[in-house]
Amino acid sequence: AWTGEIHGQVVCDVCGDSSIGPEDHILQGAEVAVLCITKSGEVFNYQAFTDSKGIYKVAETMPEGDRWDSCLVRPISSFHDHCTQRGGVRSGIKFRYDLPSGYCHIVKPFLYKPGSAPMYC
């Protein structure tokens, strides 16, 4: 059997500057969609929510011949009171999954920003 894992993080980009700094914080409960296509053409659609560290995880065990070939990860929503606008220009991240069993693909963080940045930004 083959096991694949995808991890990532969702962050509130408080100043909306598209970089993670000391003023930024993680978003717990943010929703992320993960779509993976296997080598045999089967589609797996996952829904993940971030934990108390802002991290989401998706994992699947399947026969080696049916393993993930490529995946698309995209943010769905932030349930945070003030940090709900998607930051950055990417609506999703697509990648080829070519890792051996037991390894994890780490996706760059998704950013959300507030409607207006605080005065200190």
C-alpha atoms as a PDB file:
ATOM      1  CA  ALA A   1       0.000   0.000   0.000  1.00  0.00           C
ATOM      2  CA  TRP A   2       0.996   3.619  -0.577  1.00  0.00           C
ATOM      3  CA  THR A   3       0.250   6.526   1.789  1.00  0.00           C
ATOM      4  CA  GLY A   4       0.320  10.169   0.756  1.00  0.00           C
ATOM      5  CA  GLU A   5      -0.024  13.266   2.919  1.00  0.00           C
ATOM      6  CA  ILE A   6      -0.550  16.951   2.234  1.00  0.00           C
ATOM      7  CA  HIS A   7      -0.060  19.611   4.903  1.00  0.00           C
ATOM      8  CA  GLY A   8      -0.425  23.370   4.801  1.00  0.00           C
ATOM      9  CA  GLN A   9      -1.217  26.405   6.890  1.00  0.00           C
ATOM     10  CA  VAL A  10      -3.672  29.295   6.720  1.00  0.00           C
ATOM     11  CA  VAL A  11      -2.558  32.666   8.092  1.00  0.00           C
ATOM     12  CA  CYS A  12      -4.169  36.049   8.679  1.00  0.00           C
ATOM     13  CA  ASP A  13      -1.965  38.594   6.874  1.00  0.00           C
ATOM     14  CA  VAL A  14      -2.935  41.487   9.164  1.00  0.00           C
ATOM     15  CA  CYS A  15      -1.201  44.234   7.138  1.00  0.00           C
ATOM     16  CA  GLY A  16      -2.159  42.708   3.760  1.00  0.00           C
ATOM     17  CA  ASP A  17       1.468  42.857   2.576  1.00  0.00           C
ATOM     18  CA  SER A  18       1.539  39.263   1.238  1.00  0.00           C
ATOM     19  CA  SER A  19       4.304  38.255   3.616  1.00  0.00           C
ATOM     20  CA  ILE A  20       4.190  36.581   7.006  1.00  0.00           C
ATOM     21  CA  GLY A  21       5.502  38.771   9.808  1.00  0.00           C
ATOM     22  CA  PRO A  22       5.288  39.077  13.606  1.00  0.00           C
ATOM     23  CA  GLU A  23       1.931  40.909  13.439  1.00  0.00           C
ATOM     24  CA  ASP A  24       0.280  38.023  11.563  1.00  0.00           C
ATOM     25  CA  HIS A  25      -1.488  35.092  13.198  1.00  0.00           C
ATOM     26  CA  ILE A  26      -2.757  31.660  12.244  1.00  0.00           C
ATOM     27  CA  LEU A  27      -6.398  31.028  11.398  1.00  0.00           C
ATOM     28  CA  GLN A  28      -8.045  28.152  13.207  1.00  0.00           C
ATOM     29  CA  GLY A  29     -11.074  26.587  11.517  1.00  0.00           C
ATOM     30  CA  ALA A  30     -10.289  27.849   8.002  1.00  0.00           C
ATOM     31  CA  GLU A  31     -11.608  25.548   5.265  1.00  0.00           C
ATOM     32  CA  VAL A  32      -9.406  24.165   2.493  1.00  0.00           C
ATOM     33  CA  ALA A  33     -10.322  21.916  -0.463  1.00  0.00           C
ATOM     34  CA  VAL A  34      -7.881  19.323  -1.775  1.00  0.00           C
ATOM     35  CA  LEU A  35      -8.540  17.622  -5.124  1.00  0.00           C
ATOM     36  CA  CYS A  36      -6.223  14.800  -6.208  1.00  0.00           C
ATOM     37  CA  ILE A  37      -6.215  12.686  -9.355  1.00  0.00           C
ATOM     38  CA  THR A  38      -4.692   9.216  -9.213  1.00  0.00           C
ATOM     39  CA  LYS A  39      -2.475   7.590 -11.831  1.00  0.00           C
ATOM     40  CA  SER A  40      -5.519   5.542 -12.891  1.00  0.00           C
ATOM     41  CA  GLY A  41      -7.645   8.702 -13.357  1.00  0.00           C
ATOM     42  CA  GLU A  42      -9.785   8.448 -10.215  1.00  0.00           C
ATOM     43  CA  VAL A  43     -10.599  11.768  -8.528  1.00  0.00           C
ATOM     44  CA  PHE A  44     -10.469  12.227  -4.752  1.00  0.00           C
ATOM     45  CA  ASN A  45     -12.005  15.358  -3.239  1.00  0.00           C
ATOM     46  CA  TYR A  46     -11.113  16.218   0.354  1.00  0.00           C
ATOM     47  CA  GLN A  47     -12.292  18.930   2.715  1.00  0.00           C
ATOM     48  CA  ALA A  48      -9.976  19.968   5.540  1.00  0.00           C
ATOM     49  CA  PHE A  49     -10.122  22.492   8.368  1.00  0.00           C
ATOM     50  CA  THR A  50      -7.185  24.084  10.127  1.00  0.00           C
ATOM     51  CA  ASP A  51      -6.395  23.125  13.710  1.00  0.00           C
ATOM     52  CA  SER A  52      -5.321  25.357  16.629  1.00  0.00           C
ATOM     53  CA  LYS A  53      -1.953  25.875  14.903  1.00  0.00           C
ATOM     54  CA  GLY A  54      -3.571  26.897  11.602  1.00  0.00           C
ATOM     55  CA  ILE A  55      -2.510  23.624   9.981  1.00  0.00           C
ATOM     56  CA  TYR A  56      -4.649  21.372   7.777  1.00  0.00           C
ATOM     57  CA  LYS A  57      -3.760  17.795   6.860  1.00  0.00           C
ATOM     58  CA  VAL A  58      -5.045  15.334   4.301  1.00  0.00           C
ATOM     59  CA  ALA A  59      -3.850  11.734   4.104  1.00  0.00           C
ATOM     60  CA  GLU A  60      -4.877   8.670   2.110  1.00  0.00           C
ATOM     61  CA  THR A  61      -3.680   5.085   1.884  1.00  0.00           C
ATOM     62  CA  MET A  62      -4.290   3.237  -1.379  1.00  0.00           C
ATOM     63  CA  PRO A  63      -2.690   0.635  -3.649  1.00  0.00           C
ATOM     64  CA  GLU A  64       0.668   1.757  -5.097  1.00  0.00           C
ATOM     65  CA  GLY A  65      -0.672   1.624  -8.673  1.00  0.00           C
ATOM     66  CA  ASP A  66      -3.578   3.939  -7.810  1.00  0.00           C
ATOM     67  CA  ARG A  67      -1.597   6.584  -5.915  1.00  0.00           C
ATOM     68  CA  TRP A  68      -2.060  10.344  -6.334  1.00  0.00           C
ATOM     69  CA  ASP A  69      -0.569  11.765  -9.515  1.00  0.00           C
ATOM     70  CA  SER A  70      -1.410  15.455  -9.182  1.00  0.00           C
ATOM     71  CA  CYS A  71      -3.306  17.607  -6.709  1.00  0.00           C
ATOM     72  CA  LEU A  72      -4.897  21.029  -6.442  1.00  0.00           C
ATOM     73  CA  VAL A  73      -5.221  22.740  -3.051  1.00  0.00           C
ATOM     74  CA  ARG A  74      -7.302  25.869  -2.649  1.00  0.00           C
ATOM     75  CA  PRO A  75      -8.670  27.936   0.218  1.00  0.00           C
ATOM     76  CA  ILE A  76     -12.440  27.915   0.615  1.00  0.00           C
ATOM     77  CA  SER A  77     -13.196  30.207   3.564  1.00  0.00           C
ATOM     78  CA  SER A  78     -11.937  31.768   6.746  1.00  0.00           C
ATOM     79  CA  PHE A  79     -14.440  31.801   9.573  1.00  0.00           C
ATOM     80  CA  HIS A  80     -12.455  34.444  11.450  1.00  0.00           C
ATOM     81  CA  ASP A  81     -14.322  37.640  12.396  1.00  0.00           C
ATOM     82  CA  HIS A  82     -12.060  40.203  10.777  1.00  0.00           C
ATOM     83  CA  CYS A  83      -9.763  38.245   8.445  1.00  0.00           C
ATOM     84  CA  THR A  84     -12.002  37.042   5.614  1.00  0.00           C
ATOM     85  CA  GLN A  85     -10.625  38.466   2.347  1.00  0.00           C
ATOM     86  CA  ARG A  86      -8.345  36.193   0.390  1.00  0.00           C
ATOM     87  CA  GLY A  87      -4.851  37.614   0.181  1.00  0.00           C
ATOM     88  CA  GLY A  88      -2.321  36.900  -2.527  1.00  0.00           C
ATOM     89  CA  VAL A  89      -3.119  36.321  -6.175  1.00  0.00           C
ATOM     90  CA  ARG A  90      -3.295  32.543  -6.090  1.00  0.00           C
ATOM     91  CA  SER A  91      -6.726  30.971  -5.903  1.00  0.00           C
ATOM     92  CA  GLY A  92      -5.127  27.540  -5.632  1.00  0.00           C
ATOM     93  CA  ILE A  93      -1.872  25.632  -5.833  1.00  0.00           C
ATOM     94  CA  LYS A  94      -1.503  22.764  -8.310  1.00  0.00           C
ATOM     95  CA  PHE A  95       1.388  20.309  -8.069  1.00  0.00           C
ATOM     96  CA  ARG A  96       2.520  16.883  -9.179  1.00  0.00           C
ATOM     97  CA  TYR A  97       2.564  14.421  -6.299  1.00  0.00           C
ATOM     98  CA  ASP A  98       5.616  12.247  -6.876  1.00  0.00           C
ATOM     99  CA  LEU A  99       6.702  11.479  -3.300  1.00  0.00           C
ATOM    100  CA  PRO A 100       7.247   7.923  -2.047  1.00  0.00           C
ATOM    101  CA  SER A 101       4.871   6.369   0.470  1.00  0.00           C
ATOM    102  CA  GLY A 102       4.946   7.936   3.921  1.00  0.00           C
ATOM    103  CA  TYR A 103       6.229  11.341   2.802  1.00  0.00           C
ATOM    104  CA  CYS A 104       4.372  14.622   3.059  1.00  0.00           C
ATOM    105  CA  HIS A 105       3.955  17.424   0.503  1.00  0.00           C
ATOM    106  CA  ILE A 106       3.943  20.802   2.262  1.00  0.00           C
ATOM    107  CA  VAL A 107       1.932  23.539   0.547  1.00  0.00           C
ATOM    108  CA  LYS A 108       2.860  27.234   0.896  1.00  0.00           C
ATOM    109  CA  PRO A 109       0.583  29.059   3.372  1.00  0.00           C
ATOM    110  CA  PHE A 110      -2.679  30.567   2.184  1.00  0.00           C
ATOM    111  CA  LEU A 111      -3.220  34.145   3.321  1.00  0.00           C
ATOM    112  CA  TYR A 112      -6.374  36.000   4.301  1.00  0.00           C
ATOM    113  CA  LYS A 113      -6.432  39.698   5.132  1.00  0.00           C
ATOM    114  CA  PRO A 114      -8.763  42.068   6.985  1.00  0.00           C
ATOM    115  CA  GLY A 115     -11.066  44.482   5.144  1.00  0.00           C
ATOM    116  CA  SER A 116      -8.830  47.324   6.301  1.00  0.00           C
ATOM    117  CA  ALA A 117      -5.335  47.184   7.734  1.00  0.00           C
ATOM    118  CA  PRO A 118      -4.699  48.489  11.267  1.00  0.00           C
ATOM    119  CA  MET A 119      -3.047  51.914  11.702  1.00  0.00           C
ATOM    120  CA  TYR A 120       0.312  50.418  12.725  1.00  0.00           C
ATOM    121  CA  CYS A 121       0.820  48.773   9.309  1.00  0.00           C
END
